[in-house]
Amino acid sequence: MPDPAVPPTPPVPLAALLAREDLGLRQIAGPADPSAVVHWAHTSEMADPYPYLLGGELLLTAGVHIPEAAGSGTYFDDYVSRIVAAGGAALGFGVAPVHDTVPRALVAACDSYELPLIEVPPRTTFSAVARAVWQLMAQARLAELRRVTEAQQSLAAAASRPDPVPSVLRQLARRVGGWAVLYGPDGAEVAVAGRGAERARAAGGPEARDVREALEGLARIVRPTATVPPAGATPTRPATSAGATPTRPATSAGPGSSAAAGRHAPGGGRPSPATAPASPTSATDTVADVHLAAYSLGAGRGFVLGVAAPQRGPGDHTIASVAAVLLSLLTGEHQSGSGAARSSALVRLLLGASAEDVAPLLGSERWVVVHARPNALAAPDPVAASALGAALGSPLVDVAREVVRVLVPADRELGPQPGWTLGISAEAGPGQWAAADVQAGRALARARATRAGLVRYGARPALADLVPEADAEAHARALLAPLNPALTETLRTWLSLHGSWDRTAVALDVHRNTVRQRIAKCAALLERDLDDPDVRMELWFALRRP
């Protein structure tokens, strides 16, 4: 019989089902195991239910299939043994309408084969029992989803801390109730955190040593740089203590796809080195009643996440997978050549090098600056800012109050981003980054004022370009000399929005009456009629100077 097909929902403790007063169920045979669980309820009156069971069921029967002379033969032994062979979790027997009591031979058989036998009273229908199972499963599923969601949020927050790798490991260990370790490409422990970690590292006893060696063995299996072992070596199967249940290392494409504890691979769970995959995404094992799992953190880097816990809940694989993704990003950032180049560029800037000197380290000669603001009222957090940078194709991200600034190579194709309002500068070389930053800010202000998802700065040839740059700048300084920076920015925004008071107020985050007062003050200081198109044109010509 194949292993039970476990559904993607948490099982129901049999004790929780027995505790339902509305059902009135009573266990009359078999072991009273608090850890016994039920994955679903199934009704069958077949004399041999084996072909119809997947495993983990509470099998419900009214005894219609029982022959009259069943008590004097081996009928009940055969019947119960087939349920146990199929992986049934428990047997529920309805005492109505066929039988007034549960047959004593059935009780004896369930005791003999250690199968829990549940008496279903006449007032309780099998449909009510099945509904109760699904209700308990739905409650458990909701609780598990809430636990996974909270764990994902806490892991994301840990990844944004100053010490992200240890923080993620500590949070993961706390969420799974065990310990977590990050192995480097050479197999050495880079960082470790959680309950029992020190005991395992010290290998103070045989069980601790077995757990540690087994987890290191799983790490060797999933490490992308793993090679075929030499003759006589067995790195494809970590060491286990006596009584441990080995599991098959399994490739995982999503939550719940790694091998379940207790599931053996063909041939005793020891894949052939010639045919075994060199680098599965994840692998699991159980040693000394400790559940182990290892996750590869990206091809070519060699980092592996190891997790050990006394229990393994349905959502633990999902939680560990999220941690593995975050650690993959963190370790990839530190180990990649581009990350090293960015660090080198930053150091050179801090030591006095010019932007033109460090730009070649960043891999592009032409850039654009993107200013982004979230559409939600909350200020952007570092995790959201990093996600935006990844979507735009650049890790050069800065969170400045309510605006995220991203320096993006000009060859990237930029488009609107859901949940964000973007302003994009014209292309600029390293010497024009400061001017491009101003342009992106103006484009963002216009995008917010016009409620557009993305606005590009409109740098293009115009009549103003016929005037020598030095003369244009001198004229602009003389014309705008009476205005302070706040008035200058208000006038520029107001003119760019065609004199709209409301949209200018939105762009500047001020009240519309403030805009009116500032524009009136500009007109008074400049001694000009701002309703005159010629005046507006001249002022716009001057305000276009960076």
Protein backbone atom coordinates (compact mmCIF):
# COMPACT_ATOMS: atom_id res chain seq x y z
CA MET A 1 0.00 0.00 0.00
CA PRO A 2 1.49 3.42 -0.91
CA ASP A 3 2.04 6.05 1.75
CA PRO A 4 -1.05 8.06 2.78
CA ALA A 5 -1.75 11.04 0.56
CA VAL A 6 -1.69 13.86 3.10
CA PRO A 7 -3.97 16.77 2.14
CA PRO A 8 -2.71 20.37 2.28
CA THR A 9 -4.71 21.02 5.45
CA PRO A 10 -3.79 20.34 9.08
CA PRO A 11 -5.15 17.05 10.46
CA VAL A 12 -7.74 16.93 13.22
CA PRO A 13 -6.74 15.47 16.60
CA LEU A 14 -8.95 12.50 17.33
CA ALA A 15 -9.23 13.77 20.92
CA ALA A 16 -10.77 17.04 19.63
CA LEU A 17 -13.43 15.09 17.77
CA LEU A 18 -14.20 13.00 20.84
CA ALA A 19 -14.50 16.18 22.91
CA ARG A 20 -17.44 17.43 20.81
CA GLU A 21 -20.41 17.12 23.14
CA ASP A 22 -22.89 17.53 20.29
CA LEU A 23 -21.66 14.29 18.73
CA GLY A 24 -21.48 12.11 21.82
CA LEU A 25 -18.70 9.92 20.43
CA ARG A 26 -16.99 7.45 22.75
CA GLN A 27 -13.77 5.45 22.26
CA ILE A 28 -14.32 1.86 23.37
CA ALA A 29 -11.22 0.10 22.03
CA GLY A 30 -7.73 0.69 20.79
CA PRO A 31 -4.96 2.87 22.27
CA ALA A 32 -5.88 6.26 23.75
CA ASP A 33 -3.10 8.17 21.97
CA PRO A 34 -3.32 11.98 22.41
CA SER A 35 -1.25 12.43 19.23
CA ALA A 36 -3.66 10.41 17.04
CA VAL A 37 -5.01 12.51 14.16
CA VAL A 38 -7.65 12.17 11.45
CA HIS A 39 -7.18 13.59 7.94
CA TRP A 40 -10.76 13.04 6.76
CA ALA A 41 -13.94 11.02 7.36
CA HIS A 42 -15.16 8.33 4.95
CA THR A 43 -18.25 6.10 5.05
CA SER A 44 -18.08 2.58 3.61
CA GLU A 45 -20.05 -0.64 4.04
CA MET A 46 -17.58 -2.71 2.02
CA ALA A 47 -16.39 -5.94 3.61
CA ASP A 48 -12.89 -5.06 2.38
CA PRO A 49 -12.45 -1.26 2.42
CA TYR A 50 -8.70 -1.49 1.64
CA PRO A 51 -8.93 -0.50 -2.08
CA TYR A 52 -11.00 2.58 -1.27
CA LEU A 53 -8.87 4.13 1.47
CA LEU A 54 -6.04 6.64 1.00
CA GLY A 55 -4.83 6.56 4.59
CA GLY A 56 -5.53 8.74 7.60
CA GLU A 57 -9.31 8.28 7.48
CA LEU A 58 -11.89 7.92 10.20
CA LEU A 59 -13.78 5.08 8.56
CA LEU A 60 -17.49 5.12 9.43
CA THR A 61 -19.65 2.01 9.16
CA ALA A 62 -23.03 0.81 10.44
CA GLY A 63 -22.01 -2.86 10.09
CA VAL A 64 -24.27 -3.61 7.09
CA HIS A 65 -21.51 -5.78 5.64
CA ILE A 66 -21.14 -8.01 8.73
CA PRO A 67 -22.50 -11.56 8.16
CA GLU A 68 -24.57 -13.27 10.83
CA ALA A 69 -21.87 -15.79 11.81
CA ALA A 70 -19.04 -13.25 11.83
CA GLY A 71 -18.40 -13.52 15.56
CA SER A 72 -17.33 -17.15 15.39
CA GLY A 73 -14.71 -16.81 12.65
CA THR A 74 -11.88 -14.54 11.55
CA TYR A 75 -14.10 -11.98 9.81
CA PHE A 76 -13.41 -9.12 12.24
CA ASP A 77 -9.67 -9.82 12.40
CA ASP A 78 -9.49 -9.75 8.59
CA TYR A 79 -11.63 -6.62 8.41
CA VAL A 80 -9.62 -4.63 10.96
CA SER A 81 -6.26 -5.81 9.62
CA ARG A 82 -7.18 -4.51 6.16
CA ILE A 83 -8.11 -1.10 7.59
CA VAL A 84 -4.78 -0.92 9.43
CA ALA A 85 -2.89 -2.02 6.30
CA ALA A 86 -4.58 0.77 4.32
CA GLY A 87 -3.44 3.34 6.87
CA GLY A 88 -6.83 4.03 8.45
CA ALA A 89 -6.62 6.28 11.50
CA ALA A 90 -9.72 5.06 13.36
CA LEU A 91 -12.98 3.14 12.94
CA GLY A 92 -16.34 4.64 13.83
CA PHE A 93 -19.19 2.17 14.37
CA GLY A 94 -22.81 3.35 14.35
CA VAL A 95 -25.04 1.38 16.69
CA ALA A 96 -28.13 2.09 14.65
CA PRO A 97 -30.05 1.00 12.67
CA VAL A 98 -28.46 -2.42 11.98
CA HIS A 99 -26.80 -3.21 15.34
CA ASP A 100 -27.90 -2.34 18.86
CA THR A 101 -24.36 -2.63 20.23
CA VAL A 102 -20.85 -2.80 18.90
CA PRO A 103 -19.92 -6.49 18.29
CA ARG A 104 -17.57 -7.75 21.00
CA ALA A 105 -15.42 -9.51 18.43
CA LEU A 106 -14.88 -6.17 16.66
CA VAL A 107 -13.83 -4.57 19.94
CA ALA A 108 -11.35 -7.38 20.52
CA ALA A 109 -9.94 -7.11 17.01
CA CYS A 110 -9.44 -3.34 17.32
CA ASP A 111 -7.63 -3.86 20.63
CA SER A 112 -5.48 -6.54 19.03
CA TYR A 113 -4.50 -4.39 16.03
CA GLU A 114 -4.33 -1.16 18.07
CA LEU A 115 -6.93 0.60 15.95
CA PRO A 116 -9.04 3.21 17.82
CA LEU A 117 -12.70 2.16 17.77
CA ILE A 118 -15.28 4.92 18.20
CA GLU A 119 -18.89 4.23 19.13
CA VAL A 120 -21.31 6.53 17.27
CA PRO A 121 -24.62 6.89 19.17
CA PRO A 122 -27.98 6.50 17.38
CA ARG A 123 -28.73 10.23 17.52
CA THR A 124 -25.54 11.14 15.63
CA THR A 125 -25.50 10.78 11.86
CA PHE A 126 -22.38 9.99 9.90
CA SER A 127 -22.90 13.27 8.02
CA ALA A 128 -22.68 15.13 11.32
CA VAL A 129 -19.41 13.39 12.13
CA ALA A 130 -17.97 14.24 8.69
CA ARG A 131 -19.13 17.85 9.02
CA ALA A 132 -17.48 18.11 12.45
CA VAL A 133 -14.21 16.82 10.97
CA TRP A 134 -14.27 19.43 8.23
CA GLN A 135 -15.20 22.18 10.69
CA LEU A 136 -12.24 21.30 12.89
CA MET A 137 -10.01 21.14 9.81
CA ALA A 138 -11.19 24.57 8.68
CA GLN A 139 -10.45 26.01 12.13
CA ALA A 140 -7.01 24.40 12.14
CA ARG A 141 -6.35 25.63 8.59
CA LEU A 142 -7.29 29.19 9.53
CA ALA A 143 -5.06 29.08 12.59
CA GLU A 144 -2.21 27.66 10.50
CA LEU A 145 -2.62 30.34 7.83
CA ARG A 146 -2.56 33.01 10.52
CA ARG A 147 0.60 31.48 12.00
CA VAL A 148 2.30 31.34 8.59
CA THR A 149 1.30 34.92 7.76
CA GLU A 150 2.61 36.24 11.07
CA ALA A 151 5.83 34.29 10.56
CA GLN A 152 6.29 35.70 7.05
CA GLN A 153 5.84 39.24 8.35
CA SER A 154 8.29 38.71 11.21
CA LEU A 155 10.87 37.17 8.85
CA ALA A 156 10.56 40.10 6.45
CA ALA A 157 11.02 42.53 9.34
CA ALA A 158 14.06 40.56 10.54
CA ALA A 159 15.59 40.76 7.05
CA SER A 160 15.51 44.57 7.24
CA ARG A 161 17.43 44.75 10.54
CA PRO A 162 21.09 45.83 10.68
CA ASP A 163 22.11 42.17 11.27
CA PRO A 164 19.69 40.52 8.81
CA VAL A 165 21.13 36.99 8.58
CA PRO A 166 21.27 36.28 12.36
CA SER A 167 17.91 38.01 12.79
CA VAL A 168 16.22 35.82 10.18
CA LEU A 169 17.72 32.67 11.73
CA ARG A 170 16.56 33.69 15.23
CA GLN A 171 13.05 34.42 14.00
CA LEU A 172 12.86 31.16 12.04
CA ALA A 173 14.06 29.14 15.04
CA ARG A 174 11.46 30.78 17.26
CA ARG A 175 8.65 30.15 14.78
CA VAL A 176 9.38 26.44 14.34
CA GLY A 177 10.27 25.88 18.00
CA GLY A 178 13.74 24.51 17.25
CA TRP A 179 16.99 25.81 15.84
CA ALA A 180 18.30 26.98 12.47
CA VAL A 181 21.78 27.08 11.00
CA LEU A 182 23.29 28.65 7.89
CA TYR A 183 26.02 26.59 6.24
CA GLY A 184 28.56 28.23 3.98
CA PRO A 185 29.77 26.91 0.61
CA ASP A 186 32.50 24.96 2.40
CA GLY A 187 30.01 23.28 4.75
CA ALA A 188 31.06 25.28 7.82
CA GLU A 189 28.45 26.90 10.07
CA VAL A 190 28.19 30.59 9.25
CA ALA A 191 25.53 31.38 11.87
CA VAL A 192 23.25 29.39 14.17
CA ALA A 193 20.33 30.35 16.39
CA GLY A 194 17.54 28.83 18.42
CA ARG A 195 16.71 26.39 21.17
CA GLY A 196 19.08 23.42 21.35
CA ALA A 197 21.58 24.95 18.95
CA GLU A 198 24.43 25.13 21.47
CA ARG A 199 23.81 21.55 22.59
CA ALA A 200 23.87 20.33 19.01
CA ARG A 201 27.01 22.29 18.20
CA ALA A 202 28.80 20.96 21.25
CA ALA A 203 27.65 17.41 20.40
CA GLY A 204 27.42 16.62 24.09
CA GLY A 205 25.78 13.22 23.58
CA PRO A 206 25.15 10.53 20.96
CA GLU A 207 21.72 11.89 20.01
CA ALA A 208 23.00 15.46 19.65
CA ARG A 209 25.92 14.23 17.56
CA ASP A 210 23.59 12.18 15.35
CA VAL A 211 21.29 15.17 14.80
CA ARG A 212 24.17 17.42 13.94
CA GLU A 213 25.75 14.93 11.53
CA ALA A 214 22.40 14.17 9.88
CA LEU A 215 21.69 17.86 9.29
CA GLU A 216 25.17 18.35 7.85
CA GLY A 217 24.52 15.36 5.60
CA LEU A 218 21.29 16.88 4.33
CA ALA A 219 23.17 20.12 3.65
CA ARG A 220 25.66 18.19 1.51
CA ILE A 221 22.80 16.67 -0.46
CA VAL A 222 21.10 19.94 -1.38
CA ARG A 223 24.24 22.06 -1.82
CA PRO A 224 24.37 23.12 -5.51
CA THR A 225 28.09 22.34 -5.69
CA ALA A 226 27.57 18.74 -4.54
CA THR A 227 29.50 16.15 -6.55
CA VAL A 228 29.28 12.40 -6.95
CA PRO A 229 30.95 10.86 -3.85
CA PRO A 230 33.94 8.59 -4.16
CA ALA A 231 33.57 4.84 -3.96
CA GLY A 232 32.68 3.68 -0.47
CA ALA A 233 31.40 7.05 0.71
CA THR A 234 27.72 7.57 1.53
CA PRO A 235 27.08 11.32 1.68
CA THR A 236 23.67 10.81 0.08
CA ARG A 237 22.39 9.40 3.38
CA PRO A 238 23.18 11.21 6.63
CA ALA A 239 23.97 9.23 9.71
CA THR A 240 21.02 8.24 11.88
CA SER A 241 20.72 6.94 15.39
CA ALA A 242 19.13 3.65 16.25
CA GLY A 243 15.39 3.75 15.75
CA ALA A 244 15.51 6.83 13.55
CA THR A 245 13.20 6.97 10.57
CA PRO A 246 15.13 7.91 7.44
CA THR A 247 13.37 9.88 4.76
CA ARG A 248 14.07 10.35 1.12
CA PRO A 249 15.68 13.67 0.11
CA ALA A 250 13.12 15.25 -2.15
CA THR A 251 13.12 18.04 -4.68
CA SER A 252 10.65 20.70 -3.58
CA ALA A 253 8.78 23.03 -5.90
CA GLY A 254 6.51 24.54 -3.31
CA PRO A 255 5.06 24.28 0.19
CA GLY A 256 4.47 20.72 1.30
CA SER A 257 6.39 19.09 -1.51
CA SER A 258 9.38 17.88 0.49
CA ALA A 259 9.40 14.29 1.68
CA ALA A 260 7.25 13.66 4.73
CA ALA A 261 8.78 12.14 7.85
CA GLY A 262 8.56 8.39 7.85
CA ARG A 263 8.31 7.99 4.08
CA HIS A 264 11.00 5.65 2.76
CA ALA A 265 12.63 5.82 -0.62
CA PRO A 266 12.77 2.67 -2.74
CA GLY A 267 15.63 0.50 -1.65
CA GLY A 268 15.66 1.72 1.92
CA GLY A 269 15.82 5.44 1.21
CA ARG A 270 19.36 5.37 -0.22
CA PRO A 271 19.37 6.74 -3.80
CA SER A 272 22.14 5.62 -6.09
CA PRO A 273 24.96 8.18 -6.47
CA ALA A 274 24.83 7.69 -10.22
CA THR A 275 21.16 8.57 -10.50
CA ALA A 276 20.49 10.83 -7.51
CA PRO A 277 19.98 14.53 -8.29
CA ALA A 278 23.08 16.57 -7.56
CA SER A 279 21.27 19.47 -5.90
CA PRO A 280 17.62 19.04 -4.85
CA THR A 281 15.97 22.18 -3.54
CA SER A 282 15.19 20.64 -0.16
CA ALA A 283 15.55 17.40 1.77
CA THR A 284 14.15 16.09 5.06
CA ASP A 285 15.02 13.46 7.64
CA THR A 286 14.04 12.44 11.17
CA VAL A 287 16.74 11.51 13.69
CA ALA A 288 16.25 10.85 17.42
CA ASP A 289 12.67 12.20 17.17
CA VAL A 290 14.01 15.49 15.75
CA HIS A 291 12.66 16.63 12.38
CA LEU A 292 15.38 17.93 10.07
CA ALA A 293 15.19 19.89 6.82
CA ALA A 294 17.76 21.51 4.54
CA TYR A 295 17.16 24.13 1.85
CA SER A 296 19.48 25.20 -0.94
CA LEU A 297 19.89 29.00 -1.12
CA GLY A 298 20.41 29.47 -4.83
CA ALA A 299 22.37 27.83 -7.60
CA GLY A 300 26.08 28.45 -7.71
CA ARG A 301 26.50 29.97 -4.25
CA GLY A 302 26.61 26.90 -2.05
CA PHE A 303 24.82 28.32 0.99
CA VAL A 304 22.36 25.98 2.73
CA LEU A 305 19.75 26.58 5.43
CA GLY A 306 19.33 23.78 7.98
CA VAL A 307 16.34 23.52 10.35
CA ALA A 308 15.84 21.13 13.28
CA ALA A 309 12.70 20.99 15.41
CA PRO A 310 11.04 18.48 17.77
CA GLN A 311 7.81 18.79 15.77
CA ARG A 312 7.00 19.64 12.16
CA GLY A 313 3.66 21.33 11.58
CA PRO A 314 1.92 21.64 8.20
CA GLY A 315 3.06 25.25 7.79
CA ASP A 316 6.67 24.81 8.92
CA HIS A 317 7.86 24.01 5.40
CA THR A 318 6.28 27.21 4.09
CA ILE A 319 7.83 29.27 6.88
CA ALA A 320 11.27 27.75 6.31
CA SER A 321 10.92 28.28 2.55
CA VAL A 322 10.26 31.99 3.10
CA ALA A 323 13.34 32.21 5.31
CA ALA A 324 15.34 30.40 2.63
CA VAL A 325 14.29 32.93 -0.01
CA LEU A 326 15.23 35.86 2.23
CA LEU A 327 18.58 34.30 3.14
CA SER A 328 19.21 33.56 -0.53
CA LEU A 329 18.78 37.25 -1.32
CA LEU A 330 20.96 38.29 1.61
CA THR A 331 23.78 35.84 0.91
CA GLY A 332 23.56 36.50 -2.83
CA GLU A 333 23.91 40.22 -2.26
CA HIS A 334 27.09 39.78 -0.23
CA GLN A 335 28.66 37.19 -2.51
CA SER A 336 27.81 38.48 -5.99
CA GLY A 337 30.31 40.40 -8.03
CA SER A 338 27.86 43.26 -8.52
CA GLY A 339 27.40 43.57 -4.76
CA ALA A 340 31.16 43.77 -4.26
CA ALA A 341 31.41 46.38 -7.01
CA ARG A 342 28.72 48.52 -5.37
CA SER A 343 30.50 48.28 -2.03
CA SER A 344 33.74 49.33 -3.71
CA ALA A 345 32.01 52.28 -5.41
CA LEU A 346 30.55 53.45 -2.09
CA VAL A 347 33.91 53.23 -0.35
CA ARG A 348 35.60 55.22 -3.12
CA LEU A 349 32.94 57.93 -2.94
CA LEU A 350 33.36 58.18 0.82
CA LEU A 351 37.11 58.46 0.35
CA GLY A 352 36.75 61.37 -2.03
CA ALA A 353 36.47 59.89 -5.53
CA SER A 354 34.16 61.59 -8.03
CA ALA A 355 30.97 60.08 -9.40
CA GLU A 356 32.59 59.82 -12.83
CA ASP A 357 35.40 57.69 -11.36
CA VAL A 358 33.17 55.19 -9.58
CA ALA A 359 30.41 54.92 -12.20
CA PRO A 360 32.23 52.20 -14.25
CA LEU A 361 32.07 49.93 -11.20
CA LEU A 362 28.28 50.08 -11.34
CA GLY A 363 28.14 48.71 -14.88
CA SER A 364 26.52 51.54 -16.84
CA GLU A 365 27.43 54.93 -18.27
CA ARG A 366 23.90 56.36 -18.60
CA TRP A 367 21.36 56.40 -15.79
CA VAL A 368 17.94 57.67 -14.80
CA VAL A 369 16.81 58.62 -11.32
CA VAL A 370 13.40 57.38 -10.20
CA HIS A 371 11.44 59.01 -7.39
CA ALA A 372 8.62 56.82 -6.11
CA ARG A 373 5.94 57.37 -3.54
CA PRO A 374 3.53 54.65 -2.30
CA ASN A 375 -0.13 55.25 -3.02
CA ALA A 376 -0.96 54.16 0.52
CA LEU A 377 -0.82 56.72 3.31
CA ALA A 378 1.93 54.86 5.16
CA ALA A 379 5.55 55.80 4.59
CA PRO A 380 7.60 53.27 2.58
CA ASP A 381 9.50 50.67 4.59
CA PRO A 382 12.91 49.21 3.61
CA VAL A 383 11.42 45.88 2.52
CA ALA A 384 8.89 47.52 0.19
CA ALA A 385 11.62 49.82 -1.14
CA SER A 386 13.89 46.86 -1.89
CA ALA A 387 11.03 45.10 -3.66
CA LEU A 388 10.46 48.20 -5.78
CA GLY A 389 14.15 48.34 -6.65
CA ALA A 390 14.04 44.70 -7.71
CA ALA A 391 11.01 45.40 -9.91
CA LEU A 392 12.82 48.32 -11.56
CA GLY A 393 15.97 46.26 -12.02
CA SER A 394 18.34 48.04 -9.66
CA PRO A 395 19.54 47.44 -6.09
CA LEU A 396 20.62 51.09 -5.73
CA VAL A 397 17.73 52.16 -3.51
CA ASP A 398 17.40 54.94 -0.95
CA VAL A 399 14.45 55.54 1.37
CA ALA A 400 14.22 59.25 2.07
CA ARG A 401 11.24 60.06 4.31
CA GLU A 402 8.13 59.56 2.18
CA VAL A 403 9.97 59.05 -1.12
CA VAL A 404 12.01 56.12 -2.42
CA ARG A 405 14.83 57.05 -4.80
CA VAL A 406 16.27 54.49 -7.18
CA LEU A 407 19.27 54.90 -9.48
CA VAL A 408 18.52 52.77 -12.55
CA PRO A 409 20.63 52.04 -15.65
CA ALA A 410 19.13 53.86 -18.62
CA ASP A 411 18.81 50.68 -20.67
CA ARG A 412 16.14 49.28 -18.32
CA GLU A 413 12.55 49.36 -19.59
CA LEU A 414 10.61 51.16 -16.88
CA GLY A 415 6.86 51.04 -16.57
CA PRO A 416 4.18 51.79 -13.98
CA GLN A 417 4.43 49.82 -10.73
CA PRO A 418 1.25 48.76 -8.90
CA GLY A 419 0.83 50.67 -5.65
CA TRP A 420 3.41 53.35 -6.54
CA THR A 421 3.51 56.75 -8.23
CA LEU A 422 6.74 57.28 -10.17
CA GLY A 423 8.68 60.26 -11.48
CA ILE A 424 11.56 59.50 -13.85
CA SER A 425 14.37 61.84 -14.81
CA ALA A 426 15.98 62.28 -18.20
CA GLU A 427 19.04 60.16 -18.97
CA ALA A 428 22.14 61.45 -17.23
CA GLY A 429 25.78 60.61 -16.84
CA PRO A 430 27.44 60.47 -13.41
CA GLY A 431 28.21 64.20 -13.53
CA GLN A 432 24.50 65.02 -13.92
CA TRP A 433 23.11 62.73 -11.19
CA ALA A 434 22.28 65.65 -8.90
CA ALA A 435 20.37 67.44 -11.67
CA ALA A 436 18.59 64.19 -12.58
CA ASP A 437 17.55 63.81 -8.93
CA VAL A 438 15.88 67.24 -9.10
CA GLN A 439 14.19 66.29 -12.38
CA ALA A 440 12.80 63.08 -10.90
CA GLY A 441 11.40 65.00 -7.95
CA ARG A 442 9.61 67.41 -10.27
CA ALA A 443 8.28 64.57 -12.39
CA LEU A 444 6.94 62.84 -9.26
CA ALA A 445 5.22 66.03 -8.13
CA ARG A 446 3.54 66.33 -11.52
CA ALA A 447 2.54 62.65 -11.48
CA ARG A 448 0.87 63.05 -8.10
CA ALA A 449 -0.85 66.26 -9.13
CA THR A 450 -2.23 64.75 -12.33
CA ARG A 451 -2.95 61.38 -10.68
CA ALA A 452 -0.77 59.59 -13.21
CA GLY A 453 1.03 56.40 -12.30
CA LEU A 454 4.24 57.48 -14.05
CA VAL A 455 5.58 60.75 -15.44
CA ARG A 456 8.90 61.19 -17.24
CA TYR A 457 10.78 64.45 -17.10
CA GLY A 458 10.28 66.22 -20.41
CA ALA A 459 13.87 67.09 -21.28
CA ARG A 460 13.91 67.78 -25.04
CA PRO A 461 15.35 70.39 -27.46
CA ALA A 462 13.41 73.67 -27.49
CA LEU A 463 13.82 77.35 -28.43
CA ALA A 464 15.43 77.95 -25.04
CA ASP A 465 18.34 75.79 -26.17
CA LEU A 466 19.26 78.45 -28.75
CA VAL A 467 20.38 80.74 -25.92
CA PRO A 468 23.89 80.06 -24.59
CA GLU A 469 23.75 78.23 -21.26
CA ALA A 470 25.75 80.85 -19.37
CA ASP A 471 23.51 83.68 -20.60
CA ALA A 472 20.37 81.70 -19.76
CA GLU A 473 21.58 81.01 -16.23
CA ALA A 474 22.56 84.64 -15.65
CA HIS A 475 19.13 85.82 -16.85
CA ALA A 476 17.38 83.26 -14.63
CA ARG A 477 19.34 84.30 -11.55
CA ALA A 478 18.60 87.98 -12.11
CA LEU A 479 14.92 87.46 -12.84
CA LEU A 480 14.25 85.11 -9.91
CA ALA A 481 16.53 86.81 -7.39
CA PRO A 482 13.64 88.28 -5.31
CA LEU A 483 12.17 84.79 -4.64
CA ASN A 484 13.22 82.41 -1.89
CA PRO A 485 13.43 78.65 -2.63
CA ALA A 486 9.90 77.92 -1.39
CA LEU A 487 8.38 80.59 -3.60
CA THR A 488 10.50 79.51 -6.57
CA GLU A 489 9.36 75.88 -6.27
CA THR A 490 5.73 76.93 -5.83
CA LEU A 491 5.89 79.14 -8.93
CA ARG A 492 7.55 76.39 -10.97
CA THR A 493 4.94 73.80 -9.95
CA TRP A 494 2.05 76.21 -10.48
CA LEU A 495 3.20 77.09 -14.00
CA SER A 496 3.87 73.44 -14.90
CA LEU A 497 0.27 72.61 -13.90
CA HIS A 498 -1.20 75.45 -15.98
CA GLY A 499 -2.08 77.60 -12.98
CA SER A 500 -4.20 74.99 -11.19
CA TRP A 501 -4.48 75.84 -7.51
CA ASP A 502 -5.78 72.41 -6.44
CA ARG A 503 -3.24 70.29 -8.32
CA THR A 504 -0.39 72.52 -7.19
CA ALA A 505 -1.55 72.10 -3.59
CA VAL A 506 -1.55 68.32 -4.04
CA ALA A 507 1.92 68.31 -5.61
CA LEU A 508 3.40 70.46 -2.83
CA ASP A 509 1.41 68.90 0.05
CA VAL A 510 0.07 72.31 1.13
CA HIS A 511 -3.35 73.93 1.33
CA ARG A 512 -4.69 75.60 -1.80
CA ASN A 513 -4.92 78.92 0.07
CA THR A 514 -1.19 78.64 0.77
CA VAL A 515 -0.59 78.29 -2.97
CA ARG A 516 -2.68 81.41 -3.65
CA GLN A 517 -0.78 83.42 -1.05
CA ARG A 518 2.61 82.33 -2.39
CA ILE A 519 1.72 83.08 -6.02
CA ALA A 520 0.38 86.49 -5.02
CA LYS A 521 3.63 87.17 -3.17
CA CYS A 522 5.63 86.05 -6.24
CA ALA A 523 3.69 88.52 -8.41
CA ALA A 524 4.34 91.31 -5.92
CA LEU A 525 8.07 90.60 -5.55
CA LEU A 526 8.59 90.21 -9.30
CA GLU A 527 6.32 93.17 -10.06
CA ARG A 528 4.77 91.28 -12.95
CA ASP A 529 1.30 90.18 -14.05
CA LEU A 530 1.30 86.40 -13.82
CA ASP A 531 -1.85 86.17 -15.93
CA ASP A 532 0.10 87.50 -18.92
CA PRO A 533 1.17 84.60 -21.21
CA ASP A 534 4.40 86.41 -22.18
CA VAL A 535 5.32 86.80 -18.50
CA ARG A 536 4.58 83.15 -17.84
CA MET A 537 6.71 82.11 -20.82
CA GLU A 538 9.65 84.19 -19.63
CA LEU A 539 9.37 82.90 -16.10
CA TRP A 540 9.13 79.31 -17.31
CA PHE A 541 12.23 79.85 -19.43
CA ALA A 542 14.09 80.96 -16.28
CA LEU A 543 12.63 78.26 -14.05
CA ARG A 544 13.78 75.50 -16.40
CA ARG A 545 17.36 76.12 -15.30
CA PRO A 546 18.34 73.35 -12.82
